N, C-alpha and C. Protein backbone atom coordinates (compact mmCIF):
# COMPACT_ATOMS: atom_id res chain seq x y z
N MET A 1 56.07 72.71 88.97
CA MET A 1 54.81 71.63 88.68
C MET A 1 54.26 71.13 90.01
N LYS A 2 52.86 71.06 89.83
CA LYS A 2 52.14 70.56 91.08
C LYS A 2 51.50 69.35 90.76
N THR A 3 51.63 68.33 91.44
CA THR A 3 50.96 66.85 91.00
C THR A 3 50.52 66.47 92.34
N GLU A 4 49.19 65.88 92.39
CA GLU A 4 48.52 65.18 93.53
C GLU A 4 47.46 64.21 92.81
N THR A 5 47.16 63.16 93.68
CA THR A 5 46.31 62.19 93.40
C THR A 5 45.06 62.78 94.01
N VAL A 6 43.92 62.86 93.23
CA VAL A 6 42.65 63.33 93.75
C VAL A 6 41.58 62.25 93.64
N GLU A 7 40.51 62.21 94.45
CA GLU A 7 39.38 61.18 94.30
C GLU A 7 38.12 61.91 93.86
N ILE A 8 37.41 61.21 92.82
CA ILE A 8 36.05 61.93 92.43
C ILE A 8 35.28 61.19 93.56
N ILE A 9 34.49 62.15 94.29
CA ILE A 9 33.76 61.80 95.42
C ILE A 9 32.16 61.86 95.19
N ASN A 10 31.87 62.75 94.09
CA ASN A 10 30.26 62.92 93.82
C ASN A 10 29.69 61.67 93.34
N LYS A 11 28.59 61.48 93.71
CA LYS A 11 27.78 60.16 93.46
C LYS A 11 27.76 59.76 92.01
N LEU A 12 27.60 60.74 91.17
CA LEU A 12 27.42 60.41 89.70
C LEU A 12 28.74 60.39 88.84
N GLY A 13 29.98 60.58 89.71
CA GLY A 13 31.19 60.67 88.91
C GLY A 13 31.41 61.85 88.17
N LEU A 14 32.32 61.73 87.06
CA LEU A 14 32.65 62.79 86.20
C LEU A 14 31.79 62.81 85.00
N HIS A 15 30.43 63.03 85.23
CA HIS A 15 29.47 62.90 84.13
C HIS A 15 29.62 64.16 83.31
N ALA A 16 28.48 64.39 82.35
CA ALA A 16 28.82 65.54 81.33
C ALA A 16 28.67 66.95 82.08
N ARG A 17 27.80 67.07 83.07
CA ARG A 17 27.74 68.35 83.74
C ARG A 17 29.03 68.72 84.61
N ALA A 18 29.39 67.69 85.34
CA ALA A 18 30.59 67.85 85.97
C ALA A 18 31.91 68.01 85.22
N SER A 19 32.11 67.36 84.06
CA SER A 19 32.98 67.58 83.05
C SER A 19 33.10 69.04 82.51
N SER A 20 31.84 69.54 82.09
CA SER A 20 31.61 70.79 81.61
C SER A 20 32.06 71.81 82.67
N ARG A 21 31.70 71.75 84.02
CA ARG A 21 32.24 72.53 85.04
C ARG A 21 33.81 72.53 85.07
N LEU A 22 34.15 71.38 85.15
CA LEU A 22 35.70 71.22 85.12
C LEU A 22 36.51 71.84 84.03
N VAL A 23 36.15 71.67 82.61
CA VAL A 23 36.62 72.29 81.70
C VAL A 23 36.57 73.92 81.78
N ASN A 24 35.30 74.42 81.96
CA ASN A 24 35.12 75.83 82.06
C ASN A 24 36.15 76.26 83.04
N LEU A 25 36.30 75.67 84.21
CA LEU A 25 37.09 76.21 85.26
C LEU A 25 38.61 76.13 84.63
N THR A 26 39.27 75.05 84.13
CA THR A 26 40.54 75.12 83.61
C THR A 26 40.87 75.93 82.51
N LYS A 27 39.83 76.22 81.68
CA LYS A 27 40.25 77.17 80.50
C LYS A 27 40.35 78.56 81.27
N THR A 28 40.23 78.81 82.41
CA THR A 28 40.24 80.22 82.92
C THR A 28 41.87 80.28 83.37
N PHE A 29 42.57 79.31 83.32
CA PHE A 29 44.06 79.42 83.80
C PHE A 29 44.90 79.25 82.52
N GLY A 30 46.13 79.84 82.60
CA GLY A 30 47.19 79.71 81.57
C GLY A 30 47.93 78.42 81.76
N ALA A 31 48.02 77.78 83.06
CA ALA A 31 48.54 76.57 83.35
C ALA A 31 48.14 75.39 82.39
N ASP A 32 49.09 74.52 82.18
CA ASP A 32 49.02 73.44 81.55
C ASP A 32 48.32 72.43 82.52
N ILE A 33 47.13 71.95 82.35
CA ILE A 33 46.45 71.07 83.51
C ILE A 33 46.05 69.76 82.81
N ARG A 34 46.47 68.74 83.46
CA ARG A 34 46.36 67.38 83.06
C ARG A 34 45.91 66.56 84.02
N LEU A 35 44.91 65.32 83.79
CA LEU A 35 44.42 64.41 84.55
C LEU A 35 44.73 63.06 83.88
N ALA A 36 45.09 62.07 84.78
CA ALA A 36 45.36 60.83 84.39
C ALA A 36 44.72 59.66 85.14
N ALA A 37 44.03 58.73 84.59
CA ALA A 37 43.50 57.64 85.44
C ALA A 37 44.57 56.69 85.47
N GLU A 38 44.62 55.89 86.42
CA GLU A 38 45.54 54.73 86.63
C GLU A 38 45.85 53.87 85.48
N GLY A 39 46.99 53.93 84.88
CA GLY A 39 47.42 53.09 83.83
C GLY A 39 47.09 53.76 82.37
N GLN A 40 46.46 55.10 82.44
CA GLN A 40 46.31 55.77 81.22
C GLN A 40 47.10 56.90 81.08
N ALA A 41 47.22 57.49 79.89
CA ALA A 41 48.13 58.74 79.51
C ALA A 41 47.36 59.82 80.00
N PRO A 42 48.06 60.91 80.59
CA PRO A 42 47.36 62.14 80.97
C PRO A 42 46.61 62.70 79.87
N ILE A 43 45.50 63.29 80.20
CA ILE A 43 44.78 64.04 79.31
C ILE A 43 44.66 65.53 79.56
N ASP A 44 44.19 66.44 78.55
CA ASP A 44 44.22 67.82 78.60
C ASP A 44 42.97 68.15 79.46
N ALA A 45 42.99 68.55 80.60
CA ALA A 45 41.59 68.91 81.34
C ALA A 45 40.82 70.24 80.73
N LYS A 46 41.40 70.77 79.75
CA LYS A 46 40.81 71.96 79.09
C LYS A 46 40.12 71.45 77.91
N SER A 47 40.02 70.06 77.62
CA SER A 47 39.40 69.58 76.52
C SER A 47 38.17 68.72 77.06
N ILE A 48 36.99 69.05 76.65
CA ILE A 48 35.64 68.33 77.05
C ILE A 48 35.65 66.93 76.57
N MET A 49 36.04 66.75 75.19
CA MET A 49 36.17 65.32 74.70
C MET A 49 37.08 64.48 75.63
N ALA A 50 38.19 65.02 75.82
CA ALA A 50 39.41 64.29 76.58
C ALA A 50 38.97 63.94 78.09
N VAL A 51 38.21 64.80 78.66
CA VAL A 51 37.99 64.79 80.18
C VAL A 51 36.87 63.61 79.89
N MET A 52 35.98 63.72 79.03
CA MET A 52 34.74 62.64 79.16
C MET A 52 35.29 61.22 78.93
N THR A 53 36.48 61.10 78.15
CA THR A 53 36.94 59.84 77.97
C THR A 53 37.71 59.23 79.13
N LEU A 54 37.78 59.90 80.24
CA LEU A 54 38.17 59.38 81.60
C LEU A 54 37.17 58.59 82.12
N ALA A 55 35.99 58.63 82.04
CA ALA A 55 34.90 57.86 82.45
C ALA A 55 34.94 57.58 83.92
N ALA A 56 35.20 58.76 84.58
CA ALA A 56 35.74 58.47 86.11
C ALA A 56 34.35 58.42 86.94
N ALA A 57 34.14 57.17 87.46
CA ALA A 57 33.04 57.07 88.35
C ALA A 57 33.43 57.34 89.72
N GLN A 58 32.20 57.47 90.59
CA GLN A 58 32.55 57.75 92.02
C GLN A 58 33.78 56.81 92.56
N GLY A 59 34.73 57.29 93.32
CA GLY A 59 35.87 56.49 93.84
C GLY A 59 37.16 56.50 92.87
N THR A 60 36.83 56.95 91.72
CA THR A 60 38.02 56.81 90.86
C THR A 60 39.33 57.79 91.37
N HIS A 61 40.48 57.28 91.24
CA HIS A 61 41.61 58.20 91.72
C HIS A 61 42.20 58.69 90.37
N LEU A 62 42.49 60.03 90.17
CA LEU A 62 43.04 60.65 89.20
C LEU A 62 44.34 61.37 89.70
N THR A 63 45.17 61.36 88.84
CA THR A 63 46.31 62.20 89.07
C THR A 63 46.22 63.63 88.27
N LEU A 64 46.31 64.58 89.13
CA LEU A 64 46.21 66.06 88.61
C LEU A 64 47.54 66.54 88.66
N THR A 65 47.78 67.09 87.51
CA THR A 65 49.17 67.73 87.34
C THR A 65 48.83 69.27 86.77
N CYS A 66 49.48 70.13 87.32
CA CYS A 66 49.38 71.67 86.67
C CYS A 66 50.67 72.20 86.69
N GLU A 67 50.88 72.76 85.57
CA GLU A 67 52.28 73.22 85.27
C GLU A 67 52.16 74.45 84.43
N GLY A 68 53.00 75.61 84.86
CA GLY A 68 52.96 76.93 83.98
C GLY A 68 52.73 78.09 85.21
N ARG A 69 52.34 79.19 84.63
CA ARG A 69 52.56 80.49 85.16
C ARG A 69 51.55 80.59 86.42
N ASP A 70 50.41 80.05 86.47
CA ASP A 70 49.57 80.23 87.67
C ASP A 70 49.12 78.79 88.02
N GLU A 71 50.15 77.95 88.04
CA GLU A 71 49.71 76.55 88.47
C GLU A 71 49.50 76.20 89.88
N VAL A 72 49.74 77.12 90.70
CA VAL A 72 49.18 76.98 92.15
C VAL A 72 47.91 77.36 92.21
N ALA A 73 47.52 78.31 91.51
CA ALA A 73 46.05 78.93 91.74
C ALA A 73 45.03 77.85 90.91
N ALA A 74 45.78 77.24 89.80
CA ALA A 74 45.06 76.34 89.10
C ALA A 74 44.82 75.00 89.77
N PHE A 75 45.79 74.67 90.43
CA PHE A 75 45.82 73.27 91.09
C PHE A 75 44.83 73.39 92.36
N GLU A 76 44.92 74.59 93.02
CA GLU A 76 43.89 74.63 94.28
C GLU A 76 42.44 74.76 93.79
N ALA A 77 42.30 75.45 92.66
CA ALA A 77 40.90 75.64 92.12
C ALA A 77 40.33 74.22 91.61
N VAL A 78 41.15 73.48 91.02
CA VAL A 78 40.48 72.16 90.62
C VAL A 78 40.38 71.30 91.59
N ARG A 79 41.31 71.18 92.66
CA ARG A 79 41.15 70.40 93.94
C ARG A 79 39.81 70.89 94.65
N HIS A 80 39.56 72.21 94.75
CA HIS A 80 38.21 72.69 95.61
C HIS A 80 37.22 72.20 94.80
N LEU A 81 37.14 72.27 93.43
CA LEU A 81 35.98 71.97 92.60
C LEU A 81 35.65 70.48 92.89
N ILE A 82 36.57 69.68 92.85
CA ILE A 82 36.34 68.13 92.76
C ILE A 82 36.11 67.98 94.51
N ALA A 83 36.70 68.54 95.32
CA ALA A 83 36.29 68.29 96.67
C ALA A 83 34.77 68.82 96.93
N ASP A 84 34.39 69.97 96.25
CA ASP A 84 33.00 70.26 96.52
C ASP A 84 32.02 69.76 95.54
N ARG A 85 32.43 68.48 95.22
CA ARG A 85 31.57 67.55 94.23
C ARG A 85 30.95 68.08 93.07
N PHE A 86 31.75 69.16 92.60
CA PHE A 86 31.54 69.82 91.35
C PHE A 86 30.17 70.61 91.65
N GLY A 87 29.95 71.02 92.71
CA GLY A 87 28.79 71.76 92.99
C GLY A 87 27.42 70.91 93.16
N GLU A 88 27.74 69.64 93.21
CA GLU A 88 26.33 68.96 93.28
C GLU A 88 26.19 68.55 94.92
N PRO A 89 24.98 68.31 95.25
CA PRO A 89 24.76 68.02 96.61
C PRO A 89 25.19 66.55 97.34
N GLU A 90 25.49 65.67 96.27
CA GLU A 90 26.02 64.25 96.96
C GLU A 90 26.89 63.82 95.83
């Protein structure tokens, strides 16, 4: 299992387009991928509805957890997507 705190750094936060990109990426992996905001239960990062409930604005810290057969690849891919601001310029 891989776990780390990540920060949402893009200006618009985890809005609909960013959430969709995240979910589309996570669905390509067999690992169980979960995100949790501080004080909240972890959500399934493969569910668009669950991801949208995070309402993660810029600066929000989320706990990313990946567990399963391709957890390392999934973990690195999700971290890269977040660090790349979900492909957005700012």
